[in-house]
Amino acid sequence: MKTFSVLMWLALFAAVLFAADVDGKWKGVLNVPNMGETPVTWTFQANGNELTGSVDQGGGMVMKIKDGKIDGNKISFILPVNMQGNAMNIDYSGIVSENKIDLTLHVMGQNISYTVTKVE
């Protein structure tokens, strides 16, 4: 039983060590078919396996994420939006590397991928 406890602590420690460094600001351009390009600035903060943050797509409107999770170098979260008076959630997933995040948004049966790079 003692060996099992030690192994569990080592696994937990390793997960923390290999967690992605997602804290800070990340910029990129989202290209949505039939809507064009939109510059985006994401701000993320990790707290253990929990991810918080927001996105600024210009025009002074900042939207907060919810249900953010970190699993090693993988992140996922929901971005609640209002589309022409209709509330909806956009599911996001991403892979974090040293200076970039490859993001994919999943909405209305489509997947749209783009990359953001760390600026702070």
PDB file of N, CA and C in Angstrom:
ATOM      1  N   MET A   1       0.824  -1.190   0.000  1.00  0.00           N
ATOM      2  CA  MET A   1       0.000   0.000   0.000  1.00  0.00           C
ATOM      3  C   MET A   1       0.873   1.260   0.000  1.00  0.00           C
ATOM      4  N   LYS A   2       1.976   1.203   0.741  1.00  0.00           N
ATOM      5  CA  LYS A   2       2.872   2.364   0.804  1.00  0.00           C
ATOM      6  C   LYS A   2       3.478   2.635  -0.574  1.00  0.00           C
ATOM      7  N   THR A   3       3.851   1.591  -1.307  1.00  0.00           N
ATOM      8  CA  THR A   3       4.414   1.751  -2.644  1.00  0.00           C
ATOM      9  C   THR A   3       3.400   2.406  -3.574  1.00  0.00           C
ATOM     10  N   PHE A   4       2.149   1.985  -3.465  1.00  0.00           N
ATOM     11  CA  PHE A   4       1.087   2.570  -4.280  1.00  0.00           C
ATOM     12  C   PHE A   4       0.957   4.070  -3.994  1.00  0.00           C
ATOM     13  N   SER A   5       0.989   4.459  -2.735  1.00  0.00           N
ATOM     14  CA  SER A   5       0.887   5.875  -2.355  1.00  0.00           C
ATOM     15  C   SER A   5       2.042   6.674  -2.934  1.00  0.00           C
ATOM     16  N   VAL A   6       3.244   6.138  -2.857  1.00  0.00           N
ATOM     17  CA  VAL A   6       4.415   6.821  -3.409  1.00  0.00           C
ATOM     18  C   VAL A   6       4.261   6.981  -4.919  1.00  0.00           C
ATOM     19  N   LEU A   7       3.816   5.935  -5.603  1.00  0.00           N
ATOM     20  CA  LEU A   7       3.627   6.004  -7.051  1.00  0.00           C
ATOM     21  C   LEU A   7       2.568   7.041  -7.427  1.00  0.00           C
ATOM     22  N   MET A   8       1.511   7.127  -6.658  1.00  0.00           N
ATOM     23  CA  MET A   8       0.464   8.114  -6.927  1.00  0.00           C
ATOM     24  C   MET A   8       1.008   9.535  -6.781  1.00  0.00           C
ATOM     25  N   TRP A   9       1.798   9.783  -5.731  1.00  0.00           N
ATOM     26  CA  TRP A   9       2.395  11.107  -5.534  1.00  0.00           C
ATOM     27  C   TRP A   9       3.363  11.443  -6.667  1.00  0.00           C
ATOM     28  N   LEU A  10       4.145  10.459  -7.104  1.00  0.00           N
ATOM     29  CA  LEU A  10       5.067  10.697  -8.219  1.00  0.00           C
ATOM     30  C   LEU A  10       4.312  11.011  -9.503  1.00  0.00           C
ATOM     31  N   ALA A  11       3.226  10.313  -9.754  1.00  0.00           N
ATOM     32  CA  ALA A  11       2.425  10.564 -10.949  1.00  0.00           C
ATOM     33  C   ALA A  11       1.822  11.966 -10.900  1.00  0.00           C
ATOM     34  N   LEU A  12       1.327  12.374  -9.757  1.00  0.00           N
ATOM     35  CA  LEU A  12       0.764  13.704  -9.603  1.00  0.00           C
ATOM     36  C   LEU A  12       1.834  14.769  -9.808  1.00  0.00           C
ATOM     37  N   PHE A  13       3.007  14.563  -9.229  1.00  0.00           N
ATOM     38  CA  PHE A  13       4.120  15.494  -9.376  1.00  0.00           C
ATOM     39  C   PHE A  13       4.546  15.596 -10.841  1.00  0.00           C
ATOM     40  N   ALA A  14       4.604  14.473 -11.533  1.00  0.00           N
ATOM     41  CA  ALA A  14       4.991  14.464 -12.945  1.00  0.00           C
ATOM     42  C   ALA A  14       3.963  15.208 -13.785  1.00  0.00           C
ATOM     43  N   ALA A  15       2.690  15.046 -13.477  1.00  0.00           N
ATOM     44  CA  ALA A  15       1.642  15.758 -14.222  1.00  0.00           C
ATOM     45  C   ALA A  15       1.793  17.266 -14.069  1.00  0.00           C
ATOM     46  N   VAL A  16       2.132  17.719 -12.882  1.00  0.00           N
ATOM     47  CA  VAL A  16       2.328  19.145 -12.656  1.00  0.00           C
ATOM     48  C   VAL A  16       3.570  19.635 -13.397  1.00  0.00           C
ATOM     49  N   LEU A  17       4.637  18.852 -13.375  1.00  0.00           N
ATOM     50  CA  LEU A  17       5.873  19.237 -14.053  1.00  0.00           C
ATOM     51  C   LEU A  17       5.689  19.360 -15.557  1.00  0.00           C
ATOM     52  N   PHE A  18       4.902  18.468 -16.141  1.00  0.00           N
ATOM     53  CA  PHE A  18       4.755  18.435 -17.588  1.00  0.00           C
ATOM     54  C   PHE A  18       3.521  19.188 -18.077  1.00  0.00           C
ATOM     55  N   ALA A  19       2.846  19.887 -17.183  1.00  0.00           N
ATOM     56  CA  ALA A  19       1.702  20.688 -17.594  1.00  0.00           C
ATOM     57  C   ALA A  19       2.188  21.832 -18.481  1.00  0.00           C
ATOM     58  N   ALA A  20       1.361  22.189 -19.427  1.00  0.00           N
ATOM     59  CA  ALA A  20       1.717  23.241 -20.372  1.00  0.00           C
ATOM     60  C   ALA A  20       1.789  24.599 -19.675  1.00  0.00           C
ATOM     61  N   ASP A  21       2.723  25.432 -20.122  1.00  0.00           N
ATOM     62  CA  ASP A  21       2.837  26.798 -19.610  1.00  0.00           C
ATOM     63  C   ASP A  21       1.939  27.683 -20.469  1.00  0.00           C
ATOM     64  N   VAL A  22       0.693  27.788 -20.084  1.00  0.00           N
ATOM     65  CA  VAL A  22      -0.310  28.488 -20.879  1.00  0.00           C
ATOM     66  C   VAL A  22      -0.546  29.914 -20.384  1.00  0.00           C
ATOM     67  N   ASP A  23       0.012  30.270 -19.227  1.00  0.00           N
ATOM     68  CA  ASP A  23      -0.215  31.599 -18.650  1.00  0.00           C
ATOM     69  C   ASP A  23       0.285  32.711 -19.569  1.00  0.00           C
ATOM     70  N   GLY A  24      -0.527  33.756 -19.723  1.00  0.00           N
ATOM     71  CA  GLY A  24      -0.104  34.920 -20.484  1.00  0.00           C
ATOM     72  C   GLY A  24      -1.038  35.257 -21.622  1.00  0.00           C
ATOM     73  N   LYS A  25      -0.527  36.128 -22.512  1.00  0.00           N
ATOM     74  CA  LYS A  25      -1.303  36.576 -23.677  1.00  0.00           C
ATOM     75  C   LYS A  25      -0.813  35.882 -24.931  1.00  0.00           C
ATOM     76  N   TRP A  26      -1.772  35.549 -25.794  1.00  0.00           N
ATOM     77  CA  TRP A  26      -1.518  34.832 -27.034  1.00  0.00           C
ATOM     78  C   TRP A  26      -2.297  35.524 -28.147  1.00  0.00           C
ATOM     79  N   LYS A  27      -1.642  35.796 -29.278  1.00  0.00           N
ATOM     80  CA  LYS A  27      -2.313  36.490 -30.382  1.00  0.00           C
ATOM     81  C   LYS A  27      -2.283  35.657 -31.655  1.00  0.00           C
ATOM     82  N   GLY A  28      -3.333  35.850 -32.449  1.00  0.00           N
ATOM     83  CA  GLY A  28      -3.421  35.182 -33.734  1.00  0.00           C
ATOM     84  C   GLY A  28      -4.545  35.767 -34.555  1.00  0.00           C
ATOM     85  N   VAL A  29      -4.853  35.098 -35.662  1.00  0.00           N
ATOM     86  CA  VAL A  29      -5.926  35.527 -36.551  1.00  0.00           C
ATOM     87  C   VAL A  29      -6.837  34.340 -36.804  1.00  0.00           C
ATOM     88  N   LEU A  30      -8.109  34.531 -36.498  1.00  0.00           N
ATOM     89  CA  LEU A  30      -9.133  33.521 -36.740  1.00  0.00           C
ATOM     90  C   LEU A  30      -9.755  33.798 -38.098  1.00  0.00           C
ATOM     91  N   ASN A  31      -9.718  32.824 -38.994  1.00  0.00           N
ATOM     92  CA  ASN A  31     -10.294  32.970 -40.322  1.00  0.00           C
ATOM     93  C   ASN A  31     -11.528  32.071 -40.411  1.00  0.00           C
ATOM     94  N   VAL A  32     -12.711  32.697 -40.349  1.00  0.00           N
ATOM     95  CA  VAL A  32     -13.969  31.966 -40.400  1.00  0.00           C
ATOM     96  C   VAL A  32     -14.506  32.018 -41.828  1.00  0.00           C
ATOM     97  N   PRO A  33     -14.792  30.854 -42.437  1.00  0.00           N
ATOM     98  CA  PRO A  33     -15.329  30.857 -43.796  1.00  0.00           C
ATOM     99  C   PRO A  33     -16.573  31.741 -43.906  1.00  0.00           C
ATOM    100  N   ASN A  34     -16.645  32.519 -44.965  1.00  0.00           N
ATOM    101  CA  ASN A  34     -17.751  33.431 -45.262  1.00  0.00           C
ATOM    102  C   ASN A  34     -17.846  34.616 -44.309  1.00  0.00           C
ATOM    103  N   MET A  35     -16.902  34.753 -43.370  1.00  0.00           N
ATOM    104  CA  MET A  35     -16.931  35.883 -42.448  1.00  0.00           C
ATOM    105  C   MET A  35     -15.619  36.656 -42.450  1.00  0.00           C
ATOM    106  N   GLY A  36     -14.546  36.054 -42.933  1.00  0.00           N
ATOM    107  CA  GLY A  36     -13.269  36.740 -43.018  1.00  0.00           C
ATOM    108  C   GLY A  36     -12.380  36.534 -41.805  1.00  0.00           C
ATOM    109  N   GLU A  37     -11.332  37.343 -41.761  1.00  0.00           N
ATOM    110  CA  GLU A  37     -10.318  37.231 -40.714  1.00  0.00           C
ATOM    111  C   GLU A  37     -10.628  38.161 -39.545  1.00  0.00           C
ATOM    112  N   THR A  38     -10.389  37.644 -38.339  1.00  0.00           N
ATOM    113  CA  THR A  38     -10.581  38.425 -37.118  1.00  0.00           C
ATOM    114  C   THR A  38      -9.353  38.260 -36.238  1.00  0.00           C
ATOM    115  N   PRO A  39      -8.658  39.368 -35.901  1.00  0.00           N
ATOM    116  CA  PRO A  39      -7.547  39.253 -34.954  1.00  0.00           C
ATOM    117  C   PRO A  39      -8.082  38.920 -33.566  1.00  0.00           C
ATOM    118  N   VAL A  40      -7.403  38.021 -32.875  1.00  0.00           N
ATOM    119  CA  VAL A  40      -7.824  37.605 -31.533  1.00  0.00           C
ATOM    120  C   VAL A  40      -6.648  37.680 -30.569  1.00  0.00           C
ATOM    121  N   THR A  41      -6.961  38.041 -29.334  1.00  0.00           N
ATOM    122  CA  THR A  41      -5.978  38.015 -28.252  1.00  0.00           C
ATOM    123  C   THR A  41      -6.577  37.220 -27.104  1.00  0.00           C
ATOM    124  N   TRP A  42      -5.981  36.085 -26.813  1.00  0.00           N
ATOM    125  CA  TRP A  42      -6.397  35.242 -25.689  1.00  0.00           C
ATOM    126  C   TRP A  42      -5.526  35.557 -24.486  1.00  0.00           C
ATOM    127  N   THR A  43      -6.116  35.557 -23.313  1.00  0.00           N
ATOM    128  CA  THR A  43      -5.383  35.661 -22.055  1.00  0.00           C
ATOM    129  C   THR A  43      -5.767  34.447 -21.227  1.00  0.00           C
ATOM    130  N   PHE A  44      -4.772  33.650 -20.832  1.00  0.00           N
ATOM    131  CA  PHE A  44      -5.021  32.428 -20.074  1.00  0.00           C
ATOM    132  C   PHE A  44      -4.282  32.455 -18.743  1.00  0.00           C
ATOM    133  N   GLN A  45      -4.864  31.783 -17.764  1.00  0.00           N
ATOM    134  CA  GLN A  45      -4.244  31.601 -16.446  1.00  0.00           C
ATOM    135  C   GLN A  45      -4.546  30.182 -15.975  1.00  0.00           C
ATOM    136  N   ALA A  46      -3.500  29.448 -15.653  1.00  0.00           N
ATOM    137  CA  ALA A  46      -3.645  28.085 -15.145  1.00  0.00           C
ATOM    138  C   ALA A  46      -3.607  28.085 -13.632  1.00  0.00           C
ATOM    139  N   ASN A  47      -4.412  27.223 -13.051  1.00  0.00           N
ATOM    140  CA  ASN A  47      -4.393  26.980 -11.614  1.00  0.00           C
ATOM    141  C   ASN A  47      -4.538  25.468 -11.445  1.00  0.00           C
ATOM    142  N   GLY A  48      -3.393  24.780 -11.395  1.00  0.00           N
ATOM    143  CA  GLY A  48      -3.442  23.319 -11.393  1.00  0.00           C
ATOM    144  C   GLY A  48      -3.965  22.845 -12.737  1.00  0.00           C
ATOM    145  N   ASN A  49      -5.026  22.049 -12.714  1.00  0.00           N
ATOM    146  CA  ASN A  49      -5.638  21.546 -13.948  1.00  0.00           C
ATOM    147  C   ASN A  49      -6.786  22.430 -14.427  1.00  0.00           C
ATOM    148  N   GLU A  50      -7.016  23.545 -13.738  1.00  0.00           N
ATOM    149  CA  GLU A  50      -8.099  24.451 -14.106  1.00  0.00           C
ATOM    150  C   GLU A  50      -7.552  25.592 -14.959  1.00  0.00           C
ATOM    151  N   LEU A  51      -8.298  25.953 -16.007  1.00  0.00           N
ATOM    152  CA  LEU A  51      -7.895  27.021 -16.906  1.00  0.00           C
ATOM    153  C   LEU A  51      -8.963  28.117 -16.887  1.00  0.00           C
ATOM    154  N   THR A  52      -8.526  29.359 -16.679  1.00  0.00           N
ATOM    155  CA  THR A  52      -9.417  30.502 -16.792  1.00  0.00           C
ATOM    156  C   THR A  52      -8.845  31.425 -17.849  1.00  0.00           C
ATOM    157  N   GLY A  53      -9.677  32.348 -18.322  1.00  0.00           N
ATOM    158  CA  GLY A  53      -9.170  33.276 -19.312  1.00  0.00           C
ATOM    159  C   GLY A  53     -10.267  33.989 -20.057  1.00  0.00           C
ATOM    160  N   SER A  54      -9.833  34.703 -21.100  1.00  0.00           N
ATOM    161  CA  SER A  54     -10.762  35.486 -21.897  1.00  0.00           C
ATOM    162  C   SER A  54     -10.181  35.705 -23.285  1.00  0.00           C
ATOM    163  N   VAL A  55     -11.046  36.178 -24.176  1.00  0.00           N
ATOM    164  CA  VAL A  55     -10.614  36.515 -25.529  1.00  0.00           C
ATOM    165  C   VAL A  55     -11.111  37.913 -25.865  1.00  0.00           C
ATOM    166  N   ASP A  56     -10.255  38.662 -26.544  1.00  0.00           N
ATOM    167  CA  ASP A  56     -10.592  39.988 -27.052  1.00  0.00           C
ATOM    168  C   ASP A  56     -10.499  39.912 -28.569  1.00  0.00           C
ATOM    169  N   GLN A  57     -11.629  40.132 -29.232  1.00  0.00           N
ATOM    170  CA  GLN A  57     -11.651  40.094 -30.693  1.00  0.00           C
ATOM    171  C   GLN A  57     -11.760  41.495 -31.276  1.00  0.00           C
ATOM    172  N   GLY A  58     -11.331  42.469 -30.497  1.00  0.00           N
ATOM    173  CA  GLY A  58     -11.379  43.849 -30.949  1.00  0.00           C
ATOM    174  C   GLY A  58     -12.725  44.482 -30.626  1.00  0.00           C
ATOM    175  N   GLY A  59     -12.780  45.764 -30.772  1.00  0.00           N
ATOM    176  CA  GLY A  59     -14.021  46.467 -30.512  1.00  0.00           C
ATOM    177  C   GLY A  59     -14.362  46.597 -29.043  1.00  0.00           C
ATOM    178  N   GLY A  60     -13.437  46.264 -28.163  1.00  0.00           N
ATOM    179  CA  GLY A  60     -13.648  46.424 -26.730  1.00  0.00           C
ATOM    180  C   GLY A  60     -14.491  45.351 -26.074  1.00  0.00           C
ATOM    181  N   MET A  61     -14.896  44.327 -26.821  1.00  0.00           N
ATOM    182  CA  MET A  61     -15.705  43.272 -26.231  1.00  0.00           C
ATOM    183  C   MET A  61     -14.814  42.092 -25.824  1.00  0.00           C
ATOM    184  N   VAL A  62     -14.713  41.861 -24.514  1.00  0.00           N
ATOM    185  CA  VAL A  62     -13.912  40.760 -23.980  1.00  0.00           C
ATOM    186  C   VAL A  62     -14.872  39.702 -23.454  1.00  0.00           C
ATOM    187  N   MET A  63     -14.657  38.448 -23.889  1.00  0.00           N
ATOM    188  CA  MET A  63     -15.516  37.343 -23.461  1.00  0.00           C
ATOM    189  C   MET A  63     -14.709  36.366 -22.616  1.00  0.00           C
ATOM    190  N   LYS A  64     -15.282  35.944 -21.500  1.00  0.00           N
ATOM    191  CA  LYS A  64     -14.615  35.010 -20.598  1.00  0.00           C
ATOM    192  C   LYS A  64     -14.937  33.573 -20.985  1.00  0.00           C
ATOM    193  N   ILE A  65     -13.945  32.701 -20.774  1.00  0.00           N
ATOM    194  CA  ILE A  65     -14.151  31.275 -21.016  1.00  0.00           C
ATOM    195  C   ILE A  65     -14.763  30.645 -19.773  1.00  0.00           C
ATOM    196  N   LYS A  66     -15.302  29.443 -19.942  1.00  0.00           N
ATOM    197  CA  LYS A  66     -15.787  28.681 -18.794  1.00  0.00           C
ATOM    198  C   LYS A  66     -15.396  27.219 -18.978  1.00  0.00           C
ATOM    199  N   ASP A  67     -15.431  26.494 -17.868  1.00  0.00           N
ATOM    200  CA  ASP A  67     -15.117  25.061 -17.843  1.00  0.00           C
ATOM    201  C   ASP A  67     -13.759  24.734 -18.458  1.00  0.00           C
ATOM    202  N   GLY A  68     -12.750  25.604 -18.217  1.00  0.00           N
ATOM    203  CA  GLY A  68     -11.426  25.386 -18.762  1.00  0.00           C
ATOM    204  C   GLY A  68     -10.675  24.273 -18.036  1.00  0.00           C
ATOM    205  N   LYS A  69     -10.000  23.432 -18.823  1.00  0.00           N
ATOM    206  CA  LYS A  69      -9.255  22.300 -18.270  1.00  0.00           C
ATOM    207  C   LYS A  69      -7.894  22.200 -18.945  1.00  0.00           C
ATOM    208  N   ILE A  70      -6.921  21.705 -18.169  1.00  0.00           N
ATOM    209  CA  ILE A  70      -5.578  21.443 -18.676  1.00  0.00           C
ATOM    210  C   ILE A  70      -5.247  19.987 -18.388  1.00  0.00           C
ATOM    211  N   ASP A  71      -4.754  19.298 -19.407  1.00  0.00           N
ATOM    212  CA  ASP A  71      -4.338  17.906 -19.266  1.00  0.00           C
ATOM    213  C   ASP A  71      -3.005  17.754 -19.997  1.00  0.00           C
ATOM    214  N   GLY A  72      -1.910  17.920 -19.258  1.00  0.00           N
ATOM    215  CA  GLY A  72      -0.585  17.900 -19.888  1.00  0.00           C
ATOM    216  C   GLY A  72      -0.442  19.112 -20.785  1.00  0.00           C
ATOM    217  N   ASN A  73      -0.232  18.877 -22.089  1.00  0.00           N
ATOM    218  CA  ASN A  73      -0.121  20.000 -23.028  1.00  0.00           C
ATOM    219  C   ASN A  73      -1.431  20.253 -23.772  1.00  0.00           C
ATOM    220  N   LYS A  74      -2.512  19.616 -23.335  1.00  0.00           N
ATOM    221  CA  LYS A  74      -3.821  19.802 -23.975  1.00  0.00           C
ATOM    222  C   LYS A  74      -4.694  20.709 -23.112  1.00  0.00           C
ATOM    223  N   ILE A  75      -5.404  21.628 -23.784  1.00  0.00           N
ATOM    224  CA  ILE A  75      -6.356  22.477 -23.085  1.00  0.00           C
ATOM    225  C   ILE A  75      -7.722  22.318 -23.739  1.00  0.00           C
ATOM    226  N   SER A  76      -8.759  22.616 -22.966  1.00  0.00           N
ATOM    227  CA  SER A  76     -10.116  22.642 -23.503  1.00  0.00           C
ATOM    228  C   SER A  76     -10.925  23.630 -22.679  1.00  0.00           C
ATOM    229  N   PHE A  77     -11.905  24.248 -23.321  1.00  0.00           N
ATOM    230  CA  PHE A  77     -12.763  25.202 -22.639  1.00  0.00           C
ATOM    231  C   PHE A  77     -13.973  25.500 -23.510  1.00  0.00           C
ATOM    232  N   ILE A  78     -14.915  26.228 -22.930  1.00  0.00           N
ATOM    233  CA  ILE A  78     -16.120  26.657 -23.635  1.00  0.00           C
ATOM    234  C   ILE A  78     -16.112  28.184 -23.683  1.00  0.00           C
ATOM    235  N   LEU A  79     -16.470  28.723 -24.833  1.00  0.00           N
ATOM    236  CA  LEU A  79     -16.631  30.160 -24.985  1.00  0.00           C
ATOM    237  C   LEU A  79     -18.115  30.446 -25.213  1.00  0.00           C
ATOM    238  N   PRO A  80     -18.804  30.991 -24.190  1.00  0.00           N
ATOM    239  CA  PRO A  80     -20.219  31.344 -24.375  1.00  0.00           C
ATOM    240  C   PRO A  80     -20.325  32.618 -25.229  1.00  0.00           C
ATOM    241  N   VAL A  81     -21.155  32.580 -26.259  1.00  0.00           N
ATOM    242  CA  VAL A  81     -21.324  33.728 -27.145  1.00  0.00           C
ATOM    243  C   VAL A  81     -22.808  33.998 -27.376  1.00  0.00           C
ATOM    244  N   ASN A  82     -23.073  35.190 -27.875  1.00  0.00           N
ATOM    245  CA  ASN A  82     -24.425  35.574 -28.238  1.00  0.00           C
ATOM    246  C   ASN A  82     -24.415  35.878 -29.726  1.00  0.00           C
ATOM    247  N   MET A  83     -25.079  35.043 -30.506  1.00  0.00           N
ATOM    248  CA  MET A  83     -25.125  35.210 -31.960  1.00  0.00           C
ATOM    249  C   MET A  83     -26.509  35.687 -32.358  1.00  0.00           C
ATOM    250  N   GLN A  84     -26.623  36.957 -32.661  1.00  0.00           N
ATOM    251  CA  GLN A  84     -27.875  37.557 -33.090  1.00  0.00           C
ATOM    252  C   GLN A  84     -29.010  37.256 -32.116  1.00  0.00           C
ATOM    253  N   GLY A  85     -28.733  37.426 -30.826  1.00  0.00           N
ATOM    254  CA  GLY A  85     -29.739  37.218 -29.798  1.00  0.00           C
ATOM    255  C   GLY A  85     -29.881  35.792 -29.310  1.00  0.00           C
ATOM    256  N   ASN A  86     -29.114  34.877 -29.872  1.00  0.00           N
ATOM    257  CA  ASN A  86     -29.165  33.469 -29.466  1.00  0.00           C
ATOM    258  C   ASN A  86     -27.900  33.098 -28.705  1.00  0.00           C
ATOM    259  N   ALA A  87     -28.083  32.632 -27.468  1.00  0.00           N
ATOM    260  CA  ALA A  87     -26.933  32.189 -26.665  1.00  0.00           C
ATOM    261  C   ALA A  87     -26.486  30.819 -27.140  1.00  0.00           C
ATOM    262  N   MET A  88     -25.183  30.663 -27.291  1.00  0.00           N
ATOM    263  CA  MET A  88     -24.625  29.360 -27.670  1.00  0.00           C
ATOM    264  C   MET A  88     -23.223  29.222 -27.103  1.00  0.00           C
ATOM    265  N   ASN A  89     -22.772  27.989 -27.031  1.00  0.00           N
ATOM    266  CA  ASN A  89     -21.427  27.691 -26.541  1.00  0.00           C
ATOM    267  C   ASN A  89     -20.568  27.193 -27.685  1.00  0.00           C
ATOM    268  N   ILE A  90     -19.352  27.707 -27.760  1.00  0.00           N
ATOM    269  CA  ILE A  90     -18.373  27.217 -28.726  1.00  0.00           C
ATOM    270  C   ILE A  90     -17.342  26.417 -27.945  1.00  0.00           C
ATOM    271  N   ASP A  91     -17.190  25.151 -28.310  1.00  0.00           N
ATOM    272  CA  ASP A  91     -16.214  24.265 -27.664  1.00  0.00           C
ATOM    273  C   ASP A  91     -14.853  24.472 -28.310  1.00  0.00           C
ATOM    274  N   TYR A  92     -13.835  24.616 -27.481  1.00  0.00           N
ATOM    275  CA  TYR A  92     -12.457  24.786 -27.942  1.00  0.00           C
ATOM    276  C   TYR A  92     -11.582  23.659 -27.403  1.00  0.00           C
ATOM    277  N   SER A  93     -10.612  23.273 -28.197  1.00  0.00           N
ATOM    278  CA  SER A  93      -9.550  22.389 -27.721  1.00  0.00           C
ATOM    279  C   SER A  93      -8.243  22.936 -28.288  1.00  0.00           C
ATOM    280  N   GLY A  94      -7.144  22.588 -27.639  1.00  0.00           N
ATOM    281  CA  GLY A  94      -5.865  23.102 -28.111  1.00  0.00           C
ATOM    282  C   GLY A  94      -4.694  22.287 -27.628  1.00  0.00           C
ATOM    283  N   ILE A  95      -3.604  22.425 -28.345  1.00  0.00           N
ATOM    284  CA  ILE A  95      -2.328  21.801 -27.995  1.00  0.00           C
ATOM    285  C   ILE A  95      -1.327  22.931 -27.771  1.00  0.00           C
ATOM    286  N   VAL A  96      -0.759  22.967 -26.571  1.00  0.00           N
ATOM    287  CA  VAL A  96       0.169  24.032 -26.190  1.00  0.00           C
ATOM    288  C   VAL A  96       1.598  23.543 -26.384  1.00  0.00           C
ATOM    289  N   SER A  97       2.403  24.365 -27.065  1.00  0.00           N
ATOM    290  CA  SER A  97       3.843  24.114 -27.142  1.00  0.00           C
ATOM    291  C   SER A  97       4.545  25.337 -26.579  1.00  0.00           C
ATOM    292  N   GLU A  98       5.838  25.398 -26.714  1.00  0.00           N
ATOM    293  CA  GLU A  98       6.627  26.435 -26.033  1.00  0.00           C
ATOM    294  C   GLU A  98       6.144  27.853 -26.303  1.00  0.00           C
ATOM    295  N   ASN A  99       5.884  28.191 -27.558  1.00  0.00           N
ATOM    296  CA  ASN A  99       5.504  29.574 -27.854  1.00  0.00           C
ATOM    297  C   ASN A  99       4.258  29.687 -28.737  1.00  0.00           C
ATOM    298  N   LYS A 100       3.488  28.596 -28.857  1.00  0.00           N
ATOM    299  CA  LYS A 100       2.271  28.652 -29.660  1.00  0.00           C
ATOM    300  C   LYS A 100       1.218  27.693 -29.098  1.00  0.00           C
ATOM    301  N   ILE A 101      -0.021  27.990 -29.450  1.00  0.00           N
ATOM    302  CA  ILE A 101      -1.122  27.090 -29.148  1.00  0.00           C
ATOM    303  C   ILE A 101      -1.869  26.848 -30.450  1.00  0.00           C
ATOM    304  N   ASP A 102      -2.021  25.584 -30.817  1.00  0.00           N
ATOM    305  CA  ASP A 102      -2.842  25.210 -31.963  1.00  0.00           C
ATOM    306  C   ASP A 102      -4.251  24.983 -31.438  1.00  0.00           C
ATOM    307  N   LEU A 103      -5.159  25.916 -31.767  1.00  0.00           N
ATOM    308  CA  LEU A 103      -6.527  25.874 -31.279  1.00  0.00           C
ATOM    309  C   LEU A 103      -7.478  25.353 -32.352  1.00  0.00           C
ATOM    310  N   THR A 104      -8.501  24.647 -31.918  1.00  0.00           N
ATOM    311  CA  THR A 104      -9.585  24.230 -32.797  1.00  0.00           C
ATOM    312  C   THR A 104     -10.894  24.551 -32.111  1.00  0.00           C
ATOM    313  N   LEU A 105     -11.746  25.285 -32.824  1.00  0.00           N
ATOM    314  CA  LEU A 105     -13.072  25.536 -32.285  1.00  0.00           C
ATOM    315  C   LEU A 105     -14.050  24.606 -32.981  1.00  0.00           C
ATOM    316  N   HIS A 106     -15.004  24.139 -32.206  1.00  0.00           N
ATOM    317  CA  HIS A 106     -15.994  23.180 -32.689  1.00  0.00           C
ATOM    318  C   HIS A 106     -17.359  23.845 -32.543  1.00  0.00           C
ATOM    319  N   VAL A 107     -17.988  24.160 -33.680  1.00  0.00           N
ATOM    320  CA  VAL A 107     -19.272  24.853 -33.626  1.00  0.00           C
ATOM    321  C   VAL A 107     -20.140  24.440 -34.815  1.00  0.00           C
ATOM    322  N   MET A 108     -21.389  24.144 -34.540  1.00  0.00           N
ATOM    323  CA  MET A 108     -22.388  23.803 -35.552  1.00  0.00           C
ATOM    324  C   MET A 108     -21.860  22.790 -36.579  1.00  0.00           C
ATOM    325  N   GLY A 109     -21.220  21.740 -36.075  1.00  0.00           N
ATOM    326  CA  GLY A 109     -20.732  20.672 -36.942  1.00  0.00           C
ATOM    327  C   GLY A 109     -19.467  20.977 -37.705  1.00  0.00           C
ATOM    328  N   GLN A 110     -18.869  22.129 -37.464  1.00  0.00           N
ATOM    329  CA  GLN A 110     -17.630  22.485 -38.148  1.00  0.00           C
ATOM    330  C   GLN A 110     -16.480  22.586 -37.164  1.00  0.00           C
ATOM    331  N   ASN A 111     -15.290  22.293 -37.652  1.00  0.00           N
ATOM    332  CA  ASN A 111     -14.061  22.496 -36.889  1.00  0.00           C
ATOM    333  C   ASN A 111     -13.228  23.530 -37.636  1.00  0.00           C
ATOM    334  N   ILE A 112     -12.816  24.562 -36.916  1.00  0.00           N
ATOM    335  CA  ILE A 112     -11.976  25.607 -37.492  1.00  0.00           C
ATOM    336  C   ILE A 112     -10.713  25.695 -36.647  1.00  0.00           C
ATOM    337  N   SER A 113      -9.570  25.534 -37.293  1.00  0.00           N
ATOM    338  CA  SER A 113      -8.285  25.534 -36.589  1.00  0.00           C
ATOM    339  C   SER A 113      -7.478  26.777 -36.923  1.00  0.00           C
ATOM    340  N   TYR A 114      -6.731  27.239 -35.929  1.00  0.00           N
ATOM    341  CA  TYR A 114      -5.806  28.349 -36.126  1.00  0.00           C
ATOM    342  C   TYR A 114      -4.775  28.318 -35.007  1.00  0.00           C
ATOM    343  N   THR A 115      -3.721  29.099 -35.175  1.00  0.00           N
ATOM    344  CA  THR A 115      -2.612  29.120 -34.225  1.00  0.00           C
ATOM    345  C   THR A 115      -2.464  30.509 -33.618  1.00  0.00           C
ATOM    346  N   VAL A 116      -2.202  30.526 -32.318  1.00  0.00           N
ATOM    347  CA  VAL A 116      -1.871  31.784 -31.642  1.00  0.00           C
ATOM    348  C   VAL A 116      -0.466  31.653 -31.084  1.00  0.00           C
ATOM    349  N   THR A 117       0.241  32.781 -31.019  1.00  0.00           N
ATOM    350  CA  THR A 117       1.603  32.776 -30.487  1.00  0.00           C
ATOM    351  C   THR A 117       1.672  33.630 -29.231  1.00  0.00           C
ATOM    352  N   LYS A 118       2.581  33.251 -28.350  1.00  0.00           N
ATOM    353  CA  LYS A 118       2.711  33.932 -27.056  1.00  0.00           C
ATOM    354  C   LYS A 118       3.347  35.312 -27.250  1.00  0.00           C
ATOM    355  N   VAL A 119       2.728  36.321 -26.610  1.00  0.00           N
ATOM    356  CA  VAL A 119       3.262  37.676 -26.682  1.00  0.00           C
ATOM    357  C   VAL A 119       3.667  38.191 -25.312  1.00  0.00           C
ATOM    358  N   GLU A 120       3.192  37.591 -24.226  1.00  0.00           N
ATOM    359  CA  GLU A 120       3.567  37.975 -22.868  1.00  0.00           C
ATOM    360  C   GLU A 120       3.637  36.753 -21.999  1.00  0.00           C
TER     361      GLU A 120
END
